[in-house]
Amino acid sequence: MWLFLPDGFLSIVAVKGEENGPTLLVRARAAGHIEACFPAAEVITTADADYRYRAFVPREQVAAALAEQVRQLSYTNFKNAISSDAYHDAALEAWGVMHRFQGQSCSSASKP
């Protein structure tokens, strides 16, 4: 699951070999993004990994934190809620890619 939150981009996946287990792997590409959502997480930094920052977080904590994100949501424009210029620009690029995908998927859906 990819999550774009105002304070960071996260990738959350099952732990390999424990797909239905009690712990999830939370990954980030930038320092501080995991801690913004999971302040108590013990973040591991691995320079040669696809996602440099990783933390094993109990599934229930992940669910609670994401529910809290929804409860606290008050912005009307996601991109404007991002305070970091670099992260804003990255999110804007992702928005653009998905906007183009929307156009492509609508075009291909209308073809016989």
PDB file of N, CA and C in Angstrom:
ATOM      1  N   MET A   1       0.852  -1.165   0.000  1.00  0.00           N
ATOM      2  CA  MET A   1       0.000   0.000   0.000  1.00  0.00           C
ATOM      3  C   MET A   1       0.900   1.230   0.000  1.00  0.00           C
ATOM      4  N   TRP A   2       0.662   2.114  -0.910  1.00  0.00           N
ATOM      5  CA  TRP A   2       1.369   3.381  -0.926  1.00  0.00           C
ATOM      6  C   TRP A   2       0.478   4.432  -0.297  1.00  0.00           C
ATOM      7  N   LEU A   3       1.054   5.223   0.575  1.00  0.00           N
ATOM      8  CA  LEU A   3       0.314   6.297   1.234  1.00  0.00           C
ATOM      9  C   LEU A   3       1.058   7.609   1.062  1.00  0.00           C
ATOM     10  N   PHE A   4       0.362   8.571   0.536  1.00  0.00           N
ATOM     11  CA  PHE A   4       0.878   9.929   0.488  1.00  0.00           C
ATOM     12  C   PHE A   4       0.171  10.689   1.593  1.00  0.00           C
ATOM     13  N   LEU A   5       0.899  11.026   2.633  1.00  0.00           N
ATOM     14  CA  LEU A   5       0.373  11.780   3.766  1.00  0.00           C
ATOM     15  C   LEU A   5       1.029  13.161   3.749  1.00  0.00           C
ATOM     16  N   PRO A   6       0.443  14.155   4.371  1.00  0.00           N
ATOM     17  CA  PRO A   6       1.061  15.480   4.354  1.00  0.00           C
ATOM     18  C   PRO A   6       2.499  15.493   4.880  1.00  0.00           C
ATOM     19  N   ASP A   7       2.813  14.584   5.801  1.00  0.00           N
ATOM     20  CA  ASP A   7       4.143  14.551   6.396  1.00  0.00           C
ATOM     21  C   ASP A   7       5.053  13.486   5.807  1.00  0.00           C
ATOM     22  N   GLY A   8       4.603  12.798   4.748  1.00  0.00           N
ATOM     23  CA  GLY A   8       5.500  11.825   4.150  1.00  0.00           C
ATOM     24  C   GLY A   8       4.830  10.758   3.319  1.00  0.00           C
ATOM     25  N   PHE A   9       5.650  10.131   2.502  1.00  0.00           N
ATOM     26  CA  PHE A   9       5.240   9.026   1.637  1.00  0.00           C
ATOM     27  C   PHE A   9       5.680   7.726   2.291  1.00  0.00           C
ATOM     28  N   LEU A  10       4.745   6.784   2.419  1.00  0.00           N
ATOM     29  CA  LEU A  10       5.031   5.490   3.023  1.00  0.00           C
ATOM     30  C   LEU A  10       4.610   4.368   2.105  1.00  0.00           C
ATOM     31  N   SER A  11       5.347   3.285   2.169  1.00  0.00           N
ATOM     32  CA  SER A  11       4.958   2.033   1.537  1.00  0.00           C
ATOM     33  C   SER A  11       4.792   1.031   2.673  1.00  0.00           C
ATOM     34  N   ILE A  12       3.623   0.442   2.777  1.00  0.00           N
ATOM     35  CA  ILE A  12       3.351  -0.515   3.856  1.00  0.00           C
ATOM     36  C   ILE A  12       3.023  -1.855   3.222  1.00  0.00           C
ATOM     37  N   VAL A  13       3.782  -2.867   3.618  1.00  0.00           N
ATOM     38  CA  VAL A  13       3.614  -4.203   3.067  1.00  0.00           C
ATOM     39  C   VAL A  13       3.663  -5.235   4.189  1.00  0.00           C
ATOM     40  N   ALA A  14       3.242  -6.441   3.854  1.00  0.00           N
ATOM     41  CA  ALA A  14       3.346  -7.554   4.804  1.00  0.00           C
ATOM     42  C   ALA A  14       4.814  -7.949   4.931  1.00  0.00           C
ATOM     43  N   VAL A  15       5.133  -8.545   6.047  1.00  0.00           N
ATOM     44  CA  VAL A  15       6.483  -9.071   6.254  1.00  0.00           C
ATOM     45  C   VAL A  15       6.594 -10.376   5.469  1.00  0.00           C
ATOM     46  N   LYS A  16       7.619 -10.492   4.656  1.00  0.00           N
ATOM     47  CA  LYS A  16       7.803 -11.682   3.827  1.00  0.00           C
ATOM     48  C   LYS A  16       7.854 -12.930   4.709  1.00  0.00           C
ATOM     49  N   GLY A  17       7.041 -13.911   4.347  1.00  0.00           N
ATOM     50  CA  GLY A  17       6.964 -15.151   5.103  1.00  0.00           C
ATOM     51  C   GLY A  17       5.958 -15.107   6.238  1.00  0.00           C
ATOM     52  N   GLU A  18       5.440 -13.913   6.518  1.00  0.00           N
ATOM     53  CA  GLU A  18       4.438 -13.732   7.581  1.00  0.00           C
ATOM     54  C   GLU A  18       3.313 -12.852   7.050  1.00  0.00           C
ATOM     55  N   GLU A  19       2.823 -13.197   5.867  1.00  0.00           N
ATOM     56  CA  GLU A  19       1.895 -12.343   5.139  1.00  0.00           C
ATOM     57  C   GLU A  19       0.637 -11.975   5.929  1.00  0.00           C
ATOM     58  N   ASN A  20       0.172 -12.826   6.806  1.00  0.00           N
ATOM     59  CA  ASN A  20      -1.010 -12.520   7.615  1.00  0.00           C
ATOM     60  C   ASN A  20      -0.650 -12.321   9.079  1.00  0.00           C
ATOM     61  N   GLY A  21       0.624 -12.039   9.327  1.00  0.00           N
ATOM     62  CA  GLY A  21       1.125 -11.920  10.687  1.00  0.00           C
ATOM     63  C   GLY A  21       0.749 -10.612  11.363  1.00  0.00           C
ATOM     64  N   PRO A  22       1.157 -10.477  12.609  1.00  0.00           N
ATOM     65  CA  PRO A  22       0.784  -9.314  13.414  1.00  0.00           C
ATOM     66  C   PRO A  22       1.637  -8.067  13.172  1.00  0.00           C
ATOM     67  N   THR A  23       2.646  -8.193  12.304  1.00  0.00           N
ATOM     68  CA  THR A  23       3.564  -7.071  12.067  1.00  0.00           C
ATOM     69  C   THR A  23       3.587  -6.721  10.587  1.00  0.00           C
ATOM     70  N   LEU A  24       3.672  -5.430  10.297  1.00  0.00           N
ATOM     71  CA  LEU A  24       3.806  -4.952   8.928  1.00  0.00           C
ATOM     72  C   LEU A  24       5.142  -4.231   8.773  1.00  0.00           C
ATOM     73  N   LEU A  25       5.622  -4.172   7.554  1.00  0.00           N
ATOM     74  CA  LEU A  25       6.852  -3.466   7.239  1.00  0.00           C
ATOM     75  C   LEU A  25       6.478  -2.112   6.647  1.00  0.00           C
ATOM     76  N   VAL A  26       6.868  -1.065   7.342  1.00  0.00           N
ATOM     77  CA  VAL A  26       6.614   0.306   6.889  1.00  0.00           C
ATOM     78  C   VAL A  26       7.923   0.823   6.313  1.00  0.00           C
ATOM     79  N   ARG A  27       7.861   1.311   5.070  1.00  0.00           N
ATOM     80  CA  ARG A  27       9.065   1.751   4.380  1.00  0.00           C
ATOM     81  C   ARG A  27       8.907   3.199   3.932  1.00  0.00           C
ATOM     82  N   ALA A  28      10.023   3.892   3.825  1.00  0.00           N
ATOM     83  CA  ALA A  28       9.999   5.285   3.366  1.00  0.00           C
ATOM     84  C   ALA A  28      11.265   5.566   2.573  1.00  0.00           C
ATOM     85  N   ARG A  29      11.203   6.566   1.742  1.00  0.00           N
ATOM     86  CA  ARG A  29      12.355   6.969   0.946  1.00  0.00           C
ATOM     87  C   ARG A  29      13.083   8.162   1.557  1.00  0.00           C
ATOM     88  N   ALA A  30      12.451   8.842   2.509  1.00  0.00           N
ATOM     89  CA  ALA A  30      13.065  10.023   3.123  1.00  0.00           C
ATOM     90  C   ALA A  30      13.094   9.881   4.640  1.00  0.00           C
ATOM     91  N   ALA A  31      14.152  10.395   5.231  1.00  0.00           N
ATOM     92  CA  ALA A  31      14.276  10.377   6.687  1.00  0.00           C
ATOM     93  C   ALA A  31      13.130  11.161   7.318  1.00  0.00           C
ATOM     94  N   GLY A  32      12.598  10.626   8.392  1.00  0.00           N
ATOM     95  CA  GLY A  32      11.554  11.306   9.142  1.00  0.00           C
ATOM     96  C   GLY A  32      10.139  10.986   8.711  1.00  0.00           C
ATOM     97  N   HIS A  33       9.963  10.415   7.537  1.00  0.00           N
ATOM     98  CA  HIS A  33       8.606  10.136   7.071  1.00  0.00           C
ATOM     99  C   HIS A  33       7.930   9.051   7.909  1.00  0.00           C
ATOM    100  N   ILE A  34       8.654   8.024   8.287  1.00  0.00           N
ATOM    101  CA  ILE A  34       8.053   6.969   9.116  1.00  0.00           C
ATOM    102  C   ILE A  34       7.702   7.536  10.486  1.00  0.00           C
ATOM    103  N   GLU A  35       8.646   8.256  11.086  1.00  0.00           N
ATOM    104  CA  GLU A  35       8.433   8.800  12.427  1.00  0.00           C
ATOM    105  C   GLU A  35       7.280   9.798  12.474  1.00  0.00           C
ATOM    106  N   ALA A  36       7.003  10.479  11.371  1.00  0.00           N
ATOM    107  CA  ALA A  36       5.897  11.440  11.344  1.00  0.00           C
ATOM    108  C   ALA A  36       4.563  10.754  11.603  1.00  0.00           C
ATOM    109  N   CYS A  37       4.437   9.521  11.149  1.00  0.00           N
ATOM    110  CA  CYS A  37       3.190   8.768  11.336  1.00  0.00           C
ATOM    111  C   CYS A  37       3.290   7.795  12.506  1.00  0.00           C
ATOM    112  N   PHE A  38       4.486   7.290  12.745  1.00  0.00           N
ATOM    113  CA  PHE A  38       4.726   6.293  13.801  1.00  0.00           C
ATOM    114  C   PHE A  38       5.884   6.770  14.681  1.00  0.00           C
ATOM    115  N   PRO A  39       5.623   7.712  15.598  1.00  0.00           N
ATOM    116  CA  PRO A  39       6.694   8.329  16.383  1.00  0.00           C
ATOM    117  C   PRO A  39       7.533   7.342  17.193  1.00  0.00           C
ATOM    118  N   ALA A  40       6.957   6.252  17.631  1.00  0.00           N
ATOM    119  CA  ALA A  40       7.689   5.295  18.464  1.00  0.00           C
ATOM    120  C   ALA A  40       8.423   4.234  17.655  1.00  0.00           C
ATOM    121  N   ALA A  41       8.313   4.283  16.341  1.00  0.00           N
ATOM    122  CA  ALA A  41       8.921   3.247  15.503  1.00  0.00           C
ATOM    123  C   ALA A  41      10.440   3.276  15.595  1.00  0.00           C
ATOM    124  N   GLU A  42      11.029   2.094  15.592  1.00  0.00           N
ATOM    125  CA  GLU A  42      12.478   1.956  15.533  1.00  0.00           C
ATOM    126  C   GLU A  42      12.850   1.823  14.060  1.00  0.00           C
ATOM    127  N   VAL A  43      13.356   2.893  13.497  1.00  0.00           N
ATOM    128  CA  VAL A  43      13.639   2.943  12.063  1.00  0.00           C
ATOM    129  C   VAL A  43      15.044   2.416  11.787  1.00  0.00           C
ATOM    130  N   ILE A  44      15.110   1.543  10.800  1.00  0.00           N
ATOM    131  CA  ILE A  44      16.369   0.959  10.348  1.00  0.00           C
ATOM    132  C   ILE A  44      16.741   1.649   9.032  1.00  0.00           C
ATOM    133  N   THR A  45      17.978   2.090   8.925  1.00  0.00           N
ATOM    134  CA  THR A  45      18.455   2.725   7.696  1.00  0.00           C
ATOM    135  C   THR A  45      19.358   1.745   6.962  1.00  0.00           C
ATOM    136  N   THR A  46      19.026   1.499   5.691  1.00  0.00           N
ATOM    137  CA  THR A  46      19.814   0.591   4.853  1.00  0.00           C
ATOM    138  C   THR A  46      20.109   1.316   3.547  1.00  0.00           C
ATOM    139  N   ALA A  47      21.348   1.698   3.360  1.00  0.00           N
ATOM    140  CA  ALA A  47      21.733   2.523   2.210  1.00  0.00           C
ATOM    141  C   ALA A  47      21.507   1.842   0.866  1.00  0.00           C
ATOM    142  N   ASP A  48      21.627   0.514   0.799  1.00  0.00           N
ATOM    143  CA  ASP A  48      21.533  -0.157  -0.497  1.00  0.00           C
ATOM    144  C   ASP A  48      20.168  -0.789  -0.754  1.00  0.00           C
ATOM    145  N   ALA A  49      19.180  -0.491   0.071  1.00  0.00           N
ATOM    146  CA  ALA A  49      17.833  -1.055  -0.117  1.00  0.00           C
ATOM    147  C   ALA A  49      17.001  -0.146  -1.022  1.00  0.00           C
ATOM    148  N   ASP A  50      15.981  -0.725  -1.637  1.00  0.00           N
ATOM    149  CA  ASP A  50      15.066   0.047  -2.479  1.00  0.00           C
ATOM    150  C   ASP A  50      14.454   1.194  -1.673  1.00  0.00           C
ATOM    151  N   TYR A  51      13.955   0.886  -0.481  1.00  0.00           N
ATOM    152  CA  TYR A  51      13.474   1.903   0.446  1.00  0.00           C
ATOM    153  C   TYR A  51      14.527   2.008   1.543  1.00  0.00           C
ATOM    154  N   ARG A  52      15.156   3.150   1.674  1.00  0.00           N
ATOM    155  CA  ARG A  52      16.271   3.312   2.603  1.00  0.00           C
ATOM    156  C   ARG A  52      15.849   3.181   4.060  1.00  0.00           C
ATOM    157  N   TYR A  53      14.628   3.590   4.383  1.00  0.00           N
ATOM    158  CA  TYR A  53      14.175   3.604   5.779  1.00  0.00           C
ATOM    159  C   TYR A  53      13.065   2.574   5.961  1.00  0.00           C
ATOM    160  N   ARG A  54      13.171   1.786   7.043  1.00  0.00           N
ATOM    161  CA  ARG A  54      12.224   0.700   7.277  1.00  0.00           C
ATOM    162  C   ARG A  54      11.958   0.568   8.765  1.00  0.00           C
ATOM    163  N   ALA A  55      10.739   0.129   9.080  1.00  0.00           N
ATOM    164  CA  ALA A  55      10.389  -0.159  10.477  1.00  0.00           C
ATOM    165  C   ALA A  55       9.355  -1.271  10.492  1.00  0.00           C
ATOM    166  N   PHE A  56       9.493  -2.153  11.455  1.00  0.00           N
ATOM    167  CA  PHE A  56       8.503  -3.192  11.674  1.00  0.00           C
ATOM    168  C   PHE A  56       7.532  -2.658  12.713  1.00  0.00           C
ATOM    169  N   VAL A  57       6.260  -2.542  12.308  1.00  0.00           N
ATOM    170  CA  VAL A  57       5.252  -1.925  13.164  1.00  0.00           C
ATOM    171  C   VAL A  57       4.088  -2.901  13.330  1.00  0.00           C
ATOM    172  N   PRO A  58       3.617  -3.083  14.561  1.00  0.00           N
ATOM    173  CA  PRO A  58       2.464  -3.970  14.756  1.00  0.00           C
ATOM    174  C   PRO A  58       1.279  -3.533  13.883  1.00  0.00           C
ATOM    175  N   ARG A  59       0.654  -4.501  13.270  1.00  0.00           N
ATOM    176  CA  ARG A  59      -0.464  -4.249  12.360  1.00  0.00           C
ATOM    177  C   ARG A  59      -1.532  -3.365  13.013  1.00  0.00           C
ATOM    178  N   GLU A  60      -1.827  -3.623  14.280  1.00  0.00           N
ATOM    179  CA  GLU A  60      -2.856  -2.835  14.972  1.00  0.00           C
ATOM    180  C   GLU A  60      -2.427  -1.378  15.144  1.00  0.00           C
ATOM    181  N   GLN A  61      -1.134  -1.132  15.346  1.00  0.00           N
ATOM    182  CA  GLN A  61      -0.648   0.245  15.433  1.00  0.00           C
ATOM    183  C   GLN A  61      -0.770   0.948  14.084  1.00  0.00           C
ATOM    184  N   VAL A  62      -0.490   0.209  13.015  1.00  0.00           N
ATOM    185  CA  VAL A  62      -0.645   0.780  11.674  1.00  0.00           C
ATOM    186  C   VAL A  62      -2.108   1.160  11.445  1.00  0.00           C
ATOM    187  N   ALA A  63      -3.014   0.250  11.764  1.00  0.00           N
ATOM    188  CA  ALA A  63      -4.439   0.522  11.576  1.00  0.00           C
ATOM    189  C   ALA A  63      -4.886   1.727  12.403  1.00  0.00           C
ATOM    190  N   ALA A  64      -4.429   1.804  13.646  1.00  0.00           N
ATOM    191  CA  ALA A  64      -4.817   2.914  14.518  1.00  0.00           C
ATOM    192  C   ALA A  64      -4.265   4.245  13.998  1.00  0.00           C
ATOM    193  N   ALA A  65      -3.012   4.238  13.552  1.00  0.00           N
ATOM    194  CA  ALA A  65      -2.399   5.468  13.048  1.00  0.00           C
ATOM    195  C   ALA A  65      -3.089   5.956  11.778  1.00  0.00           C
ATOM    196  N   LEU A  66      -3.452   5.030  10.900  1.00  0.00           N
ATOM    197  CA  LEU A  66      -4.121   5.430   9.660  1.00  0.00           C
ATOM    198  C   LEU A  66      -5.532   5.924   9.947  1.00  0.00           C
ATOM    199  N   ALA A  67      -6.206   5.291  10.895  1.00  0.00           N
ATOM    200  CA  ALA A  67      -7.537   5.765  11.299  1.00  0.00           C
ATOM    201  C   ALA A  67      -7.433   7.179  11.878  1.00  0.00           C
ATOM    202  N   GLU A  68      -6.390   7.440  12.654  1.00  0.00           N
ATOM    203  CA  GLU A  68      -6.188   8.775  13.226  1.00  0.00           C
ATOM    204  C   GLU A  68      -5.910   9.800  12.130  1.00  0.00           C
ATOM    205  N   GLN A  69      -5.170   9.409  11.100  1.00  0.00           N
ATOM    206  CA  GLN A  69      -4.934  10.306   9.963  1.00  0.00           C
ATOM    207  C   GLN A  69      -6.272  10.730   9.343  1.00  0.00           C
ATOM    208  N   VAL A  70      -7.180   9.779   9.215  1.00  0.00           N
ATOM    209  CA  VAL A  70      -8.497  10.077   8.640  1.00  0.00           C
ATOM    210  C   VAL A  70      -9.288  10.980   9.583  1.00  0.00           C
ATOM    211  N   ARG A  71      -9.260  10.677  10.874  1.00  0.00           N
ATOM    212  CA  ARG A  71      -9.998  11.500  11.840  1.00  0.00           C
ATOM    213  C   ARG A  71      -9.497  12.942  11.860  1.00  0.00           C
ATOM    214  N   GLN A  72      -8.194  13.137  11.696  1.00  0.00           N
ATOM    215  CA  GLN A  72      -7.603  14.475  11.770  1.00  0.00           C
ATOM    216  C   GLN A  72      -7.606  15.220  10.433  1.00  0.00           C
ATOM    217  N   LEU A  73      -8.023  14.570   9.362  1.00  0.00           N
ATOM    218  CA  LEU A  73      -7.971  15.179   8.033  1.00  0.00           C
ATOM    219  C   LEU A  73      -8.866  16.414   7.980  1.00  0.00           C
ATOM    220  N   SER A  74      -8.256  17.563   7.644  1.00  0.00           N
ATOM    221  CA  SER A  74      -9.029  18.810   7.571  1.00  0.00           C
ATOM    222  C   SER A  74      -8.690  19.641   6.334  1.00  0.00           C
ATOM    223  N   TYR A  75      -7.715  19.206   5.549  1.00  0.00           N
ATOM    224  CA  TYR A  75      -7.336  19.985   4.371  1.00  0.00           C
ATOM    225  C   TYR A  75      -8.303  19.703   3.226  1.00  0.00           C
ATOM    226  N   THR A  76      -8.454  20.688   2.343  1.00  0.00           N
ATOM    227  CA  THR A  76      -9.313  20.521   1.162  1.00  0.00           C
ATOM    228  C   THR A  76      -8.497  20.297  -0.103  1.00  0.00           C
ATOM    229  N   ASN A  77      -7.172  20.444   0.015  1.00  0.00           N
ATOM    230  CA  ASN A  77      -6.281  20.204  -1.108  1.00  0.00           C
ATOM    231  C   ASN A  77      -5.029  19.533  -0.548  1.00  0.00           C
ATOM    232  N   PHE A  78      -4.810  18.286  -0.898  1.00  0.00           N
ATOM    233  CA  PHE A  78      -3.695  17.538  -0.331  1.00  0.00           C
ATOM    234  C   PHE A  78      -2.347  18.193  -0.601  1.00  0.00           C
ATOM    235  N   LYS A  79      -2.089  18.549  -1.846  1.00  0.00           N
ATOM    236  CA  LYS A  79      -0.771  19.093  -2.192  1.00  0.00           C
ATOM    237  C   LYS A  79      -0.469  20.356  -1.386  1.00  0.00           C
ATOM    238  N   ASN A  80      -1.482  21.176  -1.122  1.00  0.00           N
ATOM    239  CA  ASN A  80      -1.278  22.395  -0.340  1.00  0.00           C
ATOM    240  C   ASN A  80      -1.016  22.104   1.134  1.00  0.00           C
ATOM    241  N   ALA A  81      -1.310  20.897   1.587  1.00  0.00           N
ATOM    242  CA  ALA A  81      -1.087  20.524   2.988  1.00  0.00           C
ATOM    243  C   ALA A  81       0.353  20.074   3.246  1.00  0.00           C
ATOM    244  N   ILE A  82       1.134  19.920   2.187  1.00  0.00           N
ATOM    245  CA  ILE A  82       2.521  19.466   2.319  1.00  0.00           C
ATOM    246  C   ILE A  82       3.412  20.674   2.582  1.00  0.00           C
ATOM    247  N   SER A  83       4.189  20.620   3.669  1.00  0.00           N
ATOM    248  CA  SER A  83       5.029  21.768   4.025  1.00  0.00           C
ATOM    249  C   SER A  83       6.424  21.711   3.399  1.00  0.00           C
ATOM    250  N   SER A  84       6.921  20.530   3.094  1.00  0.00           N
ATOM    251  CA  SER A  84       8.257  20.387   2.504  1.00  0.00           C
ATOM    252  C   SER A  84       8.190  20.639   1.004  1.00  0.00           C
ATOM    253  N   ASP A  85       9.010  21.575   0.524  1.00  0.00           N
ATOM    254  CA  ASP A  85       9.016  21.874  -0.912  1.00  0.00           C
ATOM    255  C   ASP A  85       9.430  20.668  -1.747  1.00  0.00           C
ATOM    256  N   ALA A  86      10.463  19.955  -1.305  1.00  0.00           N
ATOM    257  CA  ALA A  86      10.950  18.803  -2.078  1.00  0.00           C
ATOM    258  C   ALA A  86       9.896  17.700  -2.132  1.00  0.00           C
ATOM    259  N   TYR A  87       9.268  17.414  -0.996  1.00  0.00           N
ATOM    260  CA  TYR A  87       8.227  16.381  -0.976  1.00  0.00           C
ATOM    261  C   TYR A  87       7.016  16.836  -1.785  1.00  0.00           C
ATOM    262  N   HIS A  88       6.656  18.107  -1.696  1.00  0.00           N
ATOM    263  CA  HIS A  88       5.542  18.641  -2.485  1.00  0.00           C
ATOM    264  C   HIS A  88       5.804  18.413  -3.972  1.00  0.00           C
ATOM    265  N   ASP A  89       7.022  18.714  -4.411  1.00  0.00           N
ATOM    266  CA  ASP A  89       7.347  18.556  -5.833  1.00  0.00           C
ATOM    267  C   ASP A  89       7.277  17.088  -6.253  1.00  0.00           C
ATOM    268  N   ALA A  90       7.748  16.184  -5.383  1.00  0.00           N
ATOM    269  CA  ALA A  90       7.675  14.749  -5.693  1.00  0.00           C
ATOM    270  C   ALA A  90       6.220  14.293  -5.761  1.00  0.00           C
ATOM    271  N   ALA A  91       5.400  14.745  -4.827  1.00  0.00           N
ATOM    272  CA  ALA A  91       3.985  14.373  -4.831  1.00  0.00           C
ATOM    273  C   ALA A  91       3.279  14.935  -6.062  1.00  0.00           C
ATOM    274  N   LEU A  92       3.650  16.133  -6.462  1.00  0.00           N
ATOM    275  CA  LEU A  92       3.068  16.738  -7.662  1.00  0.00           C
ATOM    276  C   LEU A  92       3.415  15.917  -8.902  1.00  0.00           C
ATOM    277  N   GLU A  93       4.653  15.418  -8.959  1.00  0.00           N
ATOM    278  CA  GLU A  93       5.025  14.552 -10.084  1.00  0.00           C
ATOM    279  C   GLU A  93       4.190  13.271 -10.084  1.00  0.00           C
ATOM    280  N   ALA A  94       4.001  12.667  -8.910  1.00  0.00           N
ATOM    281  CA  ALA A  94       3.166  11.459  -8.817  1.00  0.00           C
ATOM    282  C   ALA A  94       1.741  11.779  -9.245  1.00  0.00           C
ATOM    283  N   TRP A  95       1.234  12.937  -8.829  1.00  0.00           N
ATOM    284  CA  TRP A  95      -0.109  13.363  -9.228  1.00  0.00           C
ATOM    285  C   TRP A  95      -0.191  13.446 -10.757  1.00  0.00           C
ATOM    286  N   GLY A  96       0.836  14.026 -11.374  1.00  0.00           N
ATOM    287  CA  GLY A  96       0.850  14.164 -12.829  1.00  0.00           C
ATOM    288  C   GLY A  96       0.854  12.821 -13.535  1.00  0.00           C
ATOM    289  N   VAL A  97       1.650  11.893 -13.036  1.00  0.00           N
ATOM    290  CA  VAL A  97       1.707  10.551 -13.626  1.00  0.00           C
ATOM    291  C   VAL A  97       0.325   9.892 -13.537  1.00  0.00           C
ATOM    292  N   MET A  98      -0.310   9.991 -12.389  1.00  0.00           N
ATOM    293  CA  MET A  98      -1.632   9.362 -12.232  1.00  0.00           C
ATOM    294  C   MET A  98      -2.708  10.103 -13.030  1.00  0.00           C
ATOM    295  N   HIS A  99      -2.541  11.407 -13.217  1.00  0.00           N
ATOM    296  CA  HIS A  99      -3.479  12.160 -14.053  1.00  0.00           C
ATOM    297  C   HIS A  99      -3.393  11.677 -15.496  1.00  0.00           C
ATOM    298  N   ARG A 100      -2.163  11.467 -15.968  1.00  0.00           N
ATOM    299  CA  ARG A 100      -1.998  10.923 -17.327  1.00  0.00           C
ATOM    300  C   ARG A 100      -2.572   9.512 -17.412  1.00  0.00           C
ATOM    301  N   PHE A 101      -2.362   8.706 -16.377  1.00  0.00           N
ATOM    302  CA  PHE A 101      -2.908   7.349 -16.347  1.00  0.00           C
ATOM    303  C   PHE A 101      -4.439   7.392 -16.426  1.00  0.00           C
ATOM    304  N   GLN A 102      -5.044   8.331 -15.725  1.00  0.00           N
ATOM    305  CA  GLN A 102      -6.499   8.480 -15.786  1.00  0.00           C
ATOM    306  C   GLN A 102      -6.956   8.717 -17.216  1.00  0.00           C
ATOM    307  N   GLY A 103      -6.258   9.605 -17.917  1.00  0.00           N
ATOM    308  CA  GLY A 103      -6.620   9.877 -19.299  1.00  0.00           C
ATOM    309  C   GLY A 103      -6.452   8.669 -20.189  1.00  0.00           C
ATOM    310  N   GLN A 104      -5.374   7.922 -19.963  1.00  0.00           N
ATOM    311  CA  GLN A 104      -5.124   6.713 -20.750  1.00  0.00           C
ATOM    312  C   GLN A 104      -6.146   5.624 -20.444  1.00  0.00           C
ATOM    313  N   SER A 105      -6.483   5.461 -19.173  1.00  0.00           N
ATOM    314  CA  SER A 105      -7.417   4.399 -18.803  1.00  0.00           C
ATOM    315  C   SER A 105      -8.820   4.733 -19.288  1.00  0.00           C
ATOM    316  N   CYS A 106      -9.168   6.021 -19.319  1.00  0.00           N
ATOM    317  CA  CYS A 106     -10.481   6.404 -19.836  1.00  0.00           C
ATOM    318  C   CYS A 106     -10.538   6.194 -21.351  1.00  0.00           C
ATOM    319  N   SER A 107      -9.434   6.495 -22.022  1.00  0.00           N
ATOM    320  CA  SER A 107      -9.377   6.307 -23.486  1.00  0.00           C
ATOM    321  C   SER A 107      -9.465   4.838 -23.842  1.00  0.00           C
ATOM    322  N   SER A 108      -8.728   3.998 -23.134  1.00  0.00           N
ATOM    323  CA  SER A 108      -8.734   2.573 -23.467  1.00  0.00           C
ATOM    324  C   SER A 108     -10.049   1.911 -23.064  1.00  0.00           C
ATOM    325  N   ALA A 109     -10.707   2.453 -22.039  1.00  0.00           N
ATOM    326  CA  ALA A 109     -11.987   1.875 -21.601  1.00  0.00           C
ATOM    327  C   ALA A 109     -13.086   2.152 -22.613  1.00  0.00           C
ATOM    328  N   SER A 110     -12.949   3.265 -23.371  1.00  0.00           N
ATOM    329  CA  SER A 110     -14.008   3.614 -24.328  1.00  0.00           C
ATOM    330  C   SER A 110     -13.808   2.944 -25.686  1.00  0.00           C
ATOM    331  N   LYS A 111     -12.645   2.294 -25.898  1.00  0.00           N
ATOM    332  CA  LYS A 111     -12.397   1.632 -27.172  1.00  0.00           C
ATOM    333  C   LYS A 111     -13.102   0.272 -27.178  1.00  0.00           C
ATOM    334  N   PRO A 112     -13.631  -0.108 -28.348  1.00  0.00           N
ATOM    335  CA  PRO A 112     -14.327  -1.418 -28.420  1.00  0.00           C
ATOM    336  C   PRO A 112     -13.377  -2.590 -28.314  1.00  0.00           C
TER     337      PRO A 112
END
